[in-house]
Amino acid sequence: MSYYRYHVFFCINQREGGARCCNDCGAQALRDYAKQRIKSLKQSGKNNIRVNNAGCLDRCDEGPVIVIYPDEIWYTYVDQEDIDEIIDEYLMKGNVVERLKI
């Protein structure tokens, strides 16, 4: 059994020289929001959900991106509403959010 039910990795990479990257799309702020929301739902920690920073996940052209383990589900997002939908539908209910899946 996995230590966490879900382990959510947010790419927060910042590339130099103007190359497209997730952090240019507000990835750090939305990762911080997701982490706080999971805590407020009392879903963080062992046997629950862990939200982490990740370096480059090498999918910048589809970004910003997150990957959720152990299911290896990849999502893109635009705003807080997308993050809420991923939390509410996938992390809380187990329903894949097809419109955000990459």
N, C-alpha and C. Protein backbone atom coordinates (compact mmCIF):
# COMPACT_ATOMS: atom_id res chain seq x y z
N MET A 1 0.84 -1.18 0.00
CA MET A 1 0.00 0.00 0.00
C MET A 1 0.88 1.24 0.00
N SER A 2 0.45 2.23 -0.72
CA SER A 2 1.17 3.48 -0.82
C SER A 2 1.03 4.29 0.48
N TYR A 3 2.04 5.10 0.79
CA TYR A 3 2.00 5.94 1.99
C TYR A 3 0.90 6.98 1.88
N TYR A 4 0.72 7.52 0.66
CA TYR A 4 -0.36 8.48 0.40
C TYR A 4 -1.39 7.84 -0.52
N ARG A 5 -2.63 8.21 -0.33
CA ARG A 5 -3.70 7.76 -1.24
C ARG A 5 -3.45 8.38 -2.62
N TYR A 6 -3.14 9.68 -2.63
CA TYR A 6 -2.76 10.38 -3.85
C TYR A 6 -1.56 11.26 -3.55
N HIS A 7 -0.63 11.30 -4.48
CA HIS A 7 0.54 12.17 -4.39
C HIS A 7 0.50 13.07 -5.62
N VAL A 8 0.29 14.37 -5.41
CA VAL A 8 0.06 15.33 -6.48
C VAL A 8 1.32 16.17 -6.68
N PHE A 9 1.87 16.12 -7.88
CA PHE A 9 3.07 16.88 -8.20
C PHE A 9 2.73 18.01 -9.17
N PHE A 10 2.98 19.24 -8.75
CA PHE A 10 2.80 20.43 -9.57
C PHE A 10 4.14 20.83 -10.15
N CYS A 11 4.25 20.89 -11.46
CA CYS A 11 5.44 21.45 -12.07
C CYS A 11 5.43 22.95 -11.79
N ILE A 12 6.49 23.43 -11.16
CA ILE A 12 6.62 24.86 -10.90
C ILE A 12 7.91 25.39 -11.53
N ASN A 13 8.37 24.70 -12.55
CA ASN A 13 9.63 25.05 -13.20
C ASN A 13 9.58 26.45 -13.81
N GLN A 14 10.68 27.16 -13.66
CA GLN A 14 10.85 28.48 -14.28
C GLN A 14 12.03 28.41 -15.23
N ARG A 15 11.76 28.48 -16.51
CA ARG A 15 12.82 28.44 -17.52
C ARG A 15 13.34 29.84 -17.80
N GLU A 16 14.57 29.90 -18.20
CA GLU A 16 15.19 31.18 -18.54
C GLU A 16 15.08 31.43 -20.04
N GLY A 17 15.28 32.66 -20.40
CA GLY A 17 15.34 33.01 -21.82
C GLY A 17 14.00 33.07 -22.52
N GLY A 18 12.92 33.15 -21.78
CA GLY A 18 11.60 33.28 -22.39
C GLY A 18 10.98 31.99 -22.87
N ALA A 19 11.62 30.84 -22.61
CA ALA A 19 11.04 29.56 -23.00
C ALA A 19 9.78 29.29 -22.18
N ARG A 20 8.78 28.73 -22.80
CA ARG A 20 7.52 28.45 -22.13
C ARG A 20 7.75 27.54 -20.93
N CYS A 21 7.08 27.85 -19.82
CA CYS A 21 7.20 27.01 -18.63
C CYS A 21 5.95 27.15 -17.77
N CYS A 22 5.75 26.19 -16.90
CA CYS A 22 4.54 26.14 -16.07
C CYS A 22 4.44 27.32 -15.12
N ASN A 23 5.56 27.74 -14.56
CA ASN A 23 5.48 28.81 -13.57
C ASN A 23 5.06 30.14 -14.19
N ASP A 24 5.25 30.32 -15.50
CA ASP A 24 4.75 31.52 -16.16
C ASP A 24 3.23 31.58 -16.16
N CYS A 25 2.60 30.45 -15.89
CA CYS A 25 1.13 30.36 -15.88
C CYS A 25 0.58 30.37 -14.45
N GLY A 26 1.38 30.76 -13.49
CA GLY A 26 0.90 30.84 -12.11
C GLY A 26 0.92 29.53 -11.36
N ALA A 27 1.78 28.61 -11.77
CA ALA A 27 1.81 27.28 -11.17
C ALA A 27 2.09 27.31 -9.67
N GLN A 28 3.03 28.13 -9.22
CA GLN A 28 3.36 28.15 -7.79
C GLN A 28 2.16 28.61 -6.95
N ALA A 29 1.49 29.65 -7.39
CA ALA A 29 0.34 30.16 -6.64
C ALA A 29 -0.79 29.13 -6.60
N LEU A 30 -1.03 28.45 -7.71
CA LEU A 30 -2.10 27.45 -7.74
C LEU A 30 -1.72 26.19 -6.98
N ARG A 31 -0.45 25.85 -6.95
CA ARG A 31 0.01 24.74 -6.11
C ARG A 31 -0.21 25.08 -4.65
N ASP A 32 0.14 26.31 -4.24
CA ASP A 32 -0.07 26.75 -2.86
C ASP A 32 -1.55 26.72 -2.50
N TYR A 33 -2.39 27.14 -3.43
CA TYR A 33 -3.84 27.10 -3.21
C TYR A 33 -4.31 25.66 -3.01
N ALA A 34 -3.88 24.75 -3.89
CA ALA A 34 -4.29 23.35 -3.79
C ALA A 34 -3.85 22.74 -2.46
N LYS A 35 -2.63 23.01 -2.05
CA LYS A 35 -2.12 22.47 -0.79
C LYS A 35 -2.97 22.96 0.39
N GLN A 36 -3.28 24.24 0.40
CA GLN A 36 -4.10 24.80 1.48
C GLN A 36 -5.52 24.24 1.45
N ARG A 37 -6.07 24.09 0.27
CA ARG A 37 -7.44 23.54 0.15
C ARG A 37 -7.49 22.11 0.65
N ILE A 38 -6.50 21.29 0.30
CA ILE A 38 -6.45 19.91 0.78
C ILE A 38 -6.35 19.89 2.31
N LYS A 39 -5.54 20.77 2.87
CA LYS A 39 -5.44 20.85 4.34
C LYS A 39 -6.77 21.27 4.96
N SER A 40 -7.45 22.24 4.36
CA SER A 40 -8.73 22.70 4.91
C SER A 40 -9.80 21.63 4.85
N LEU A 41 -9.67 20.72 3.89
CA LEU A 41 -10.60 19.58 3.78
C LEU A 41 -10.20 18.43 4.69
N LYS A 42 -9.10 18.62 5.43
CA LYS A 42 -8.56 17.60 6.33
C LYS A 42 -8.24 16.30 5.58
N GLN A 43 -7.63 16.49 4.40
CA GLN A 43 -7.28 15.36 3.55
C GLN A 43 -5.78 15.23 3.34
N SER A 44 -4.98 15.96 4.13
CA SER A 44 -3.53 15.90 3.94
C SER A 44 -2.90 14.90 4.89
N GLY A 45 -1.72 14.42 4.51
CA GLY A 45 -0.96 13.54 5.38
C GLY A 45 -1.08 12.07 5.02
N LYS A 46 -0.52 11.24 5.89
CA LYS A 46 -0.46 9.80 5.67
C LYS A 46 -1.85 9.23 5.37
N ASN A 47 -1.89 8.34 4.39
CA ASN A 47 -3.11 7.68 3.92
C ASN A 47 -4.09 8.64 3.26
N ASN A 48 -3.68 9.85 3.01
CA ASN A 48 -4.53 10.84 2.36
C ASN A 48 -3.83 11.42 1.15
N ILE A 49 -3.77 12.73 1.05
CA ILE A 49 -3.27 13.41 -0.14
C ILE A 49 -2.06 14.27 0.22
N ARG A 50 -1.04 14.21 -0.62
CA ARG A 50 0.15 15.03 -0.46
C ARG A 50 0.31 15.86 -1.73
N VAL A 51 0.49 17.17 -1.57
CA VAL A 51 0.72 18.08 -2.69
C VAL A 51 2.18 18.53 -2.61
N ASN A 52 2.92 18.33 -3.71
CA ASN A 52 4.34 18.67 -3.74
C ASN A 52 4.70 19.51 -4.95
N ASN A 53 5.82 20.23 -4.82
CA ASN A 53 6.46 20.90 -5.94
C ASN A 53 7.18 19.85 -6.76
N ALA A 54 7.27 20.11 -8.05
CA ALA A 54 8.11 19.29 -8.93
C ALA A 54 8.89 20.23 -9.81
N GLY A 55 10.06 19.79 -10.19
CA GLY A 55 10.81 20.51 -11.21
C GLY A 55 10.16 20.25 -12.55
N CYS A 56 10.88 20.45 -13.59
CA CYS A 56 10.33 20.28 -14.93
C CYS A 56 9.82 18.85 -15.14
N LEU A 57 8.58 18.74 -15.58
CA LEU A 57 8.00 17.44 -15.90
C LEU A 57 8.03 17.20 -17.41
N ASP A 58 8.65 18.12 -18.15
CA ASP A 58 8.92 17.99 -19.58
C ASP A 58 7.66 17.90 -20.44
N ARG A 59 6.60 18.58 -20.00
CA ARG A 59 5.38 18.66 -20.81
C ARG A 59 4.93 20.11 -20.91
N CYS A 60 5.90 21.00 -21.01
CA CYS A 60 5.63 22.45 -20.98
C CYS A 60 4.65 22.90 -22.05
N ASP A 61 4.69 22.26 -23.21
CA ASP A 61 3.78 22.65 -24.28
C ASP A 61 2.33 22.33 -23.96
N GLU A 62 2.09 21.49 -22.96
CA GLU A 62 0.73 21.15 -22.55
C GLU A 62 0.37 21.79 -21.22
N GLY A 63 1.28 22.61 -20.72
CA GLY A 63 1.20 23.11 -19.35
C GLY A 63 0.33 24.31 -19.15
N PRO A 64 0.19 24.65 -17.90
CA PRO A 64 0.84 24.06 -16.74
C PRO A 64 0.30 22.65 -16.48
N VAL A 65 1.13 21.83 -15.84
CA VAL A 65 0.76 20.44 -15.65
C VAL A 65 0.94 19.98 -14.21
N ILE A 66 0.11 18.98 -13.87
CA ILE A 66 0.29 18.22 -12.64
C ILE A 66 0.20 16.74 -13.01
N VAL A 67 0.82 15.91 -12.20
CA VAL A 67 0.69 14.47 -12.34
C VAL A 67 0.33 13.92 -10.97
N ILE A 68 -0.60 12.98 -10.95
CA ILE A 68 -1.10 12.43 -9.70
C ILE A 68 -0.81 10.93 -9.68
N TYR A 69 -0.11 10.53 -8.64
CA TYR A 69 0.22 9.12 -8.42
C TYR A 69 -0.61 8.60 -7.25
N PRO A 70 -0.91 7.33 -7.20
CA PRO A 70 -0.30 6.24 -7.96
C PRO A 70 -0.94 5.99 -9.32
N ASP A 71 -1.99 6.74 -9.67
CA ASP A 71 -2.73 6.46 -10.91
C ASP A 71 -2.08 7.00 -12.18
N GLU A 72 -1.02 7.82 -12.04
CA GLU A 72 -0.31 8.39 -13.18
C GLU A 72 -1.25 9.17 -14.10
N ILE A 73 -2.12 9.95 -13.50
CA ILE A 73 -3.05 10.80 -14.24
C ILE A 73 -2.40 12.17 -14.41
N TRP A 74 -2.37 12.66 -15.64
CA TRP A 74 -1.80 13.97 -15.96
C TRP A 74 -2.95 14.94 -16.25
N TYR A 75 -2.84 16.13 -15.66
CA TYR A 75 -3.82 17.17 -15.91
C TYR A 75 -3.12 18.47 -16.27
N THR A 76 -3.82 19.28 -17.04
CA THR A 76 -3.47 20.67 -17.22
C THR A 76 -4.55 21.48 -16.54
N TYR A 77 -4.31 22.76 -16.36
CA TYR A 77 -5.29 23.62 -15.69
C TYR A 77 -5.01 25.06 -16.10
N VAL A 78 -6.00 25.91 -15.88
CA VAL A 78 -5.85 27.32 -16.21
C VAL A 78 -5.97 28.19 -14.97
N ASP A 79 -6.90 27.83 -14.08
CA ASP A 79 -7.21 28.71 -12.97
C ASP A 79 -7.65 27.93 -11.73
N GLN A 80 -8.02 28.66 -10.72
CA GLN A 80 -8.44 28.07 -9.44
C GLN A 80 -9.66 27.16 -9.62
N GLU A 81 -10.56 27.52 -10.51
CA GLU A 81 -11.75 26.68 -10.74
C GLU A 81 -11.35 25.31 -11.27
N ASP A 82 -10.34 25.25 -12.14
CA ASP A 82 -9.86 23.96 -12.64
C ASP A 82 -9.25 23.13 -11.51
N ILE A 83 -8.48 23.78 -10.64
CA ILE A 83 -7.89 23.07 -9.50
C ILE A 83 -8.99 22.55 -8.59
N ASP A 84 -10.00 23.37 -8.33
CA ASP A 84 -11.13 22.93 -7.50
C ASP A 84 -11.82 21.71 -8.12
N GLU A 85 -11.98 21.72 -9.44
CA GLU A 85 -12.63 20.59 -10.10
C GLU A 85 -11.79 19.32 -9.97
N ILE A 86 -10.48 19.43 -10.12
CA ILE A 86 -9.60 18.27 -9.96
C ILE A 86 -9.68 17.75 -8.52
N ILE A 87 -9.66 18.65 -7.55
CA ILE A 87 -9.76 18.24 -6.15
C ILE A 87 -11.12 17.60 -5.88
N ASP A 88 -12.19 18.30 -6.25
CA ASP A 88 -13.54 17.83 -5.91
C ASP A 88 -13.91 16.54 -6.63
N GLU A 89 -13.60 16.48 -7.92
CA GLU A 89 -14.04 15.33 -8.70
C GLU A 89 -13.06 14.16 -8.64
N TYR A 90 -11.78 14.43 -8.85
CA TYR A 90 -10.84 13.31 -8.90
C TYR A 90 -10.32 12.91 -7.52
N LEU A 91 -9.76 13.86 -6.79
CA LEU A 91 -9.13 13.49 -5.52
C LEU A 91 -10.16 13.09 -4.46
N MET A 92 -11.33 13.70 -4.47
CA MET A 92 -12.33 13.39 -3.45
C MET A 92 -13.28 12.27 -3.88
N LYS A 93 -13.62 12.21 -5.17
CA LYS A 93 -14.63 11.24 -5.62
C LYS A 93 -14.09 10.15 -6.55
N GLY A 94 -12.88 10.33 -7.08
CA GLY A 94 -12.31 9.33 -7.97
C GLY A 94 -12.78 9.43 -9.41
N ASN A 95 -13.45 10.52 -9.79
CA ASN A 95 -13.93 10.71 -11.16
C ASN A 95 -12.89 11.47 -11.97
N VAL A 96 -12.40 10.87 -13.04
CA VAL A 96 -11.41 11.52 -13.91
C VAL A 96 -12.07 12.75 -14.56
N VAL A 97 -11.35 13.86 -14.54
CA VAL A 97 -11.82 15.09 -15.17
C VAL A 97 -11.29 15.09 -16.61
N GLU A 98 -12.08 14.53 -17.51
CA GLU A 98 -11.65 14.30 -18.89
C GLU A 98 -11.24 15.58 -19.59
N ARG A 99 -11.94 16.68 -19.34
CA ARG A 99 -11.66 17.92 -20.09
C ARG A 99 -10.29 18.50 -19.75
N LEU A 100 -9.70 18.12 -18.61
CA LEU A 100 -8.40 18.63 -18.19
C LEU A 100 -7.29 17.60 -18.33
N LYS A 101 -7.65 16.37 -18.65
CA LYS A 101 -6.67 15.28 -18.74
C LYS A 101 -5.81 15.44 -19.99
N ILE A 102 -4.50 15.19 -19.82
CA ILE A 102 -3.61 15.20 -20.98
C ILE A 102 -2.89 13.86 -21.07
